[in-house]
Protein backbone atom coordinates (compact mmCIF):
# COMPACT_ATOMS: atom_id res chain seq x y z
CA UNK A 1 23.69 -26.22 19.46
CA UNK A 2 26.77 -24.57 18.37
CA UNK A 3 27.42 -20.88 18.31
CA UNK A 4 26.56 -20.04 14.62
CA UNK A 5 23.56 -21.92 14.77
CA UNK A 6 22.61 -20.07 17.78
CA UNK A 7 23.74 -16.71 16.08
CA UNK A 8 21.64 -17.03 13.22
CA UNK A 9 18.49 -17.92 15.50
CA UNK A 10 18.81 -15.13 17.75
CA UNK A 11 19.05 -12.96 14.09
CA UNK A 12 15.92 -14.47 13.13
CA UNK A 13 14.21 -13.58 15.87
CA UNK A 14 15.59 -10.07 16.46
CA UNK A 15 14.56 -9.58 13.26
CA UNK A 16 11.26 -10.90 12.89
CA UNK A 17 9.78 -9.89 16.71
CA UNK A 18 10.89 -5.82 15.11
CA UNK A 19 10.82 -5.26 18.72
CA UNK A 20 12.96 -5.43 22.13
CA UNK A 21 13.35 -9.09 23.06
CA UNK A 22 13.44 -10.01 26.98
CA UNK A 23 16.95 -11.48 27.09
CA UNK A 24 15.24 -14.65 29.17
CA UNK A 25 12.94 -15.29 26.70
CA UNK A 26 16.34 -15.71 24.25
CA UNK A 27 18.08 -17.73 26.76
CA UNK A 28 14.59 -19.96 26.61
CA UNK A 29 14.08 -20.43 23.01
CA UNK A 30 17.74 -21.39 22.89
CA UNK A 31 17.57 -23.65 25.71
CA UNK A 32 20.77 -22.20 26.98
CA UNK A 33 21.39 -20.20 30.45
CA UNK A 34 20.57 -16.39 30.66
CA UNK A 35 24.02 -15.18 31.13
CA UNK A 36 25.02 -17.42 28.19
CA UNK A 37 22.57 -16.02 26.44
CA UNK A 38 23.67 -12.30 26.89
CA UNK A 39 27.16 -12.72 26.48
CA UNK A 40 26.31 -14.63 23.05
CA UNK A 41 24.27 -11.27 21.82
CA UNK A 42 26.85 -8.90 22.98
CA UNK A 43 29.24 -10.91 21.14
CA UNK A 44 27.11 -10.69 18.22
CA UNK A 45 26.93 -6.58 18.69
CA UNK A 46 30.98 -6.32 18.92
CA UNK A 47 30.83 -8.28 15.56
CA UNK A 48 28.35 -6.04 14.01
CA UNK A 49 30.39 -2.87 14.36
CA UNK A 50 33.06 -4.00 13.31
CA UNK A 51 32.27 -5.30 10.08
CA UNK A 52 30.00 -2.24 9.74
CA UNK A 53 26.64 -2.97 9.13
CA UNK A 54 23.37 -1.60 8.36
CA UNK A 55 21.80 -2.81 11.50
CA UNK A 56 22.93 -2.94 14.72
CA UNK A 57 21.75 -4.89 18.12
CA UNK A 58 20.94 -2.71 20.81
CA UNK A 59 20.20 -3.83 24.67
CA UNK A 60 17.76 -1.81 26.45
CA UNK A 61 17.49 -3.15 29.92
CA UNK A 62 17.61 -6.78 30.03
CA UNK A 63 16.14 -6.73 26.35
CA UNK A 64 17.81 -6.85 22.91
CA UNK A 65 16.61 -5.21 19.72
CA UNK A 66 17.76 -5.65 16.22
CA UNK A 67 17.35 -1.91 14.66
CA UNK A 68 19.06 0.44 11.73
CA UNK A 69 22.57 2.08 12.42
CA UNK A 70 21.68 5.73 12.92
CA UNK A 71 24.81 6.30 9.74
CA UNK A 72 22.10 5.11 7.73
CA UNK A 73 19.09 7.10 8.07
CA UNK A 74 20.01 9.38 5.13
CA UNK A 75 19.50 6.11 3.05
CA UNK A 76 16.50 5.35 4.49
CA UNK A 77 14.99 8.72 3.81
CA UNK A 78 15.56 9.07 0.29
CA UNK A 79 14.00 5.91 -0.35
CA UNK A 80 10.61 7.00 1.80
CA UNK A 81 11.10 10.26 -0.09
CA UNK A 82 10.52 8.32 -3.56
CA UNK A 83 8.12 9.34 -5.73
CA UNK A 84 6.06 6.42 -5.94
CA UNK A 85 4.63 4.74 -9.26
CA UNK A 86 1.15 3.43 -8.58
CA UNK A 87 -0.53 1.16 -10.62
CA UNK A 88 -3.82 1.24 -11.04
CA UNK A 89 -5.99 -1.66 -11.74
CA UNK A 90 -8.80 -1.94 -14.06
CA UNK A 91 -11.32 -1.51 -11.93
CA UNK A 92 -9.75 1.82 -11.06
CA UNK A 93 -9.15 2.73 -14.03
CA UNK A 94 -12.50 2.39 -14.87
CA UNK A 95 -14.27 4.19 -11.67
CA UNK A 96 -11.42 6.89 -12.50
CA UNK A 97 -12.77 7.27 -16.14
CA UNK A 98 -16.58 7.74 -14.96
CA UNK A 99 -15.61 10.30 -12.95
CA UNK A 100 -13.40 12.08 -14.78
CA UNK A 101 -16.03 11.95 -17.62
CA UNK A 102 -19.11 12.65 -15.33
CA UNK A 103 -17.64 15.01 -12.85
CA UNK A 104 -19.19 16.29 -10.33
CA UNK A 105 -20.34 12.69 -9.77
CA UNK A 106 -21.64 10.93 -6.52
CA UNK A 107 -20.44 7.38 -5.67
CA UNK A 108 -24.29 6.08 -6.00
CA UNK A 109 -23.88 7.19 -9.71
CA UNK A 110 -20.62 5.73 -10.05
CA UNK A 111 -21.89 2.26 -8.90
CA UNK A 112 -24.81 2.61 -11.00
CA UNK A 113 -22.68 2.73 -14.22
CA UNK A 114 -20.43 -0.03 -12.75
CA UNK A 115 -22.99 -1.99 -11.49
CA UNK A 116 -21.12 -2.61 -8.66
CA UNK A 117 -19.62 -1.55 -4.93
CA UNK A 118 -17.12 1.15 -6.11
CA UNK A 119 -15.95 2.14 -2.55
CA UNK A 120 -12.46 0.45 -2.57
CA UNK A 121 -11.87 1.96 -6.32
CA UNK A 122 -12.78 5.52 -5.09
CA UNK A 123 -10.70 5.08 -1.73
CA UNK A 124 -7.96 4.02 -3.91
CA UNK A 125 -7.90 6.82 -6.32
CA UNK A 126 -8.42 9.74 -3.47
CA UNK A 127 -5.42 8.03 -1.60
CA UNK A 128 -3.28 8.08 -5.15
CA UNK A 129 -4.56 12.23 -5.19
CA UNK A 130 -5.76 11.50 -8.65
CA UNK A 131 -9.74 11.83 -7.39
CA UNK A 132 -10.53 14.39 -4.56
CA UNK A 133 -14.12 15.22 -2.53
CA UNK A 134 -15.52 18.51 -5.19
CA UNK A 135 -18.54 19.39 -3.01
CA UNK A 136 -22.04 18.08 -1.74
CA UNK A 137 -25.50 16.96 -4.35
CA UNK A 138 -27.98 19.14 -2.72
CA UNK A 139 -30.25 16.35 -2.09
CA UNK A 140 -31.58 14.36 0.84
CA UNK A 141 -28.21 12.95 3.25
CA UNK A 142 -26.23 15.53 1.08
CA UNK A 143 -23.82 12.73 -0.83
CA UNK A 144 -20.17 13.56 -1.61
CA UNK A 145 -19.35 14.30 -5.23
CA UNK A 146 -16.22 13.34 -7.15
CA UNK A 147 -14.11 15.15 -9.43
CA UNK A 148 -10.59 15.15 -10.51
CA UNK A 149 -7.80 16.28 -9.12
CA UNK A 150 -4.91 18.77 -11.03
CA UNK A 151 -2.21 15.35 -10.24
CA UNK A 152 -4.82 13.78 -12.08
CA UNK A 153 -4.49 16.53 -14.79
CA UNK A 154 -0.56 16.12 -14.49
CA UNK A 155 -0.43 12.47 -14.67
CA UNK A 156 -2.64 11.95 -17.85
CA UNK A 157 -1.27 15.29 -19.53
CA UNK A 158 -4.03 17.21 -19.93
CA UNK A 159 -4.84 20.75 -19.12
CA UNK A 160 -8.26 20.72 -17.84
CA UNK A 161 -10.93 17.71 -17.95
CA UNK A 162 -12.68 19.48 -21.19
CA UNK A 163 -9.25 18.23 -23.23
CA UNK A 164 -10.17 14.88 -21.85
CA UNK A 165 -10.64 12.65 -25.55
CA UNK A 166 -14.19 12.50 -26.60
CA UNK A 167 -15.02 8.67 -27.11
CA UNK A 168 -15.37 7.40 -30.60
CA UNK A 169 -19.83 6.81 -30.86
CA UNK A 170 -19.37 3.98 -32.39
CA UNK A 171 -16.53 2.30 -30.17
CA UNK A 172 -19.25 3.11 -27.14
CA UNK A 173 -22.08 1.39 -29.14
CA UNK A 174 -19.82 -1.58 -29.71
CA UNK A 175 -19.01 -1.89 -26.55
CA UNK A 176 -22.72 -1.56 -25.03
CA UNK A 177 -23.48 -3.98 -27.42
CA UNK A 178 -20.94 -6.64 -26.11
CA UNK A 179 -21.76 -5.80 -22.68
CA UNK A 180 -25.62 -6.32 -23.05
CA UNK A 181 -24.51 -9.37 -24.36
CA UNK A 182 -22.30 -10.83 -22.02
CA UNK A 183 -25.16 -9.77 -19.71
CA UNK A 184 -28.01 -11.79 -21.63
CA UNK A 185 -25.19 -14.55 -21.38
CA UNK A 186 -24.38 -14.64 -18.19
CA UNK A 187 -28.76 -15.16 -17.49
CA UNK A 188 -28.83 -17.80 -19.70
CA UNK A 189 -26.12 -19.78 -17.48
CA UNK A 190 -28.16 -18.93 -14.44
CA UNK A 191 -30.96 -20.30 -15.38
């Protein structure tokens, strides 16, 4: 195996593993002597420094690891602190609209309206800080009540849940009729 191919293999191993790999393991994979593997990797370390790359190879006892150079930490911090744009699936939007218009509402009430399990959608909305726990229902089991957050209001440009647009009764009725037709078609196909 030529040196360039061995260096590429070392890069792939160190990158993919993400942790320190004993030099003996690298040597075994490359089918070369341990001292040859150590020399090969140390030469790579020197070139990485000379080329002023964003990553480096470090030696830890009798192992090597690829990691980010400390001079690059500011860039990593900027990347991790960028605001994340969350996209909501149709399921999440449907669940969010139920919570927004019916709040405070329990998980069971949401699932009754949707007709399916809504755990994942609710958890995602909580993770995005659009929905939060708004108390507990005074009923057996004390189920959690969900409501919208200030982040929800900011995101959707409303001052309070009362400012949400009122659904057009004709469109709601039309939607109900379409849903009932879909259910009937589904029942007929199953028969």
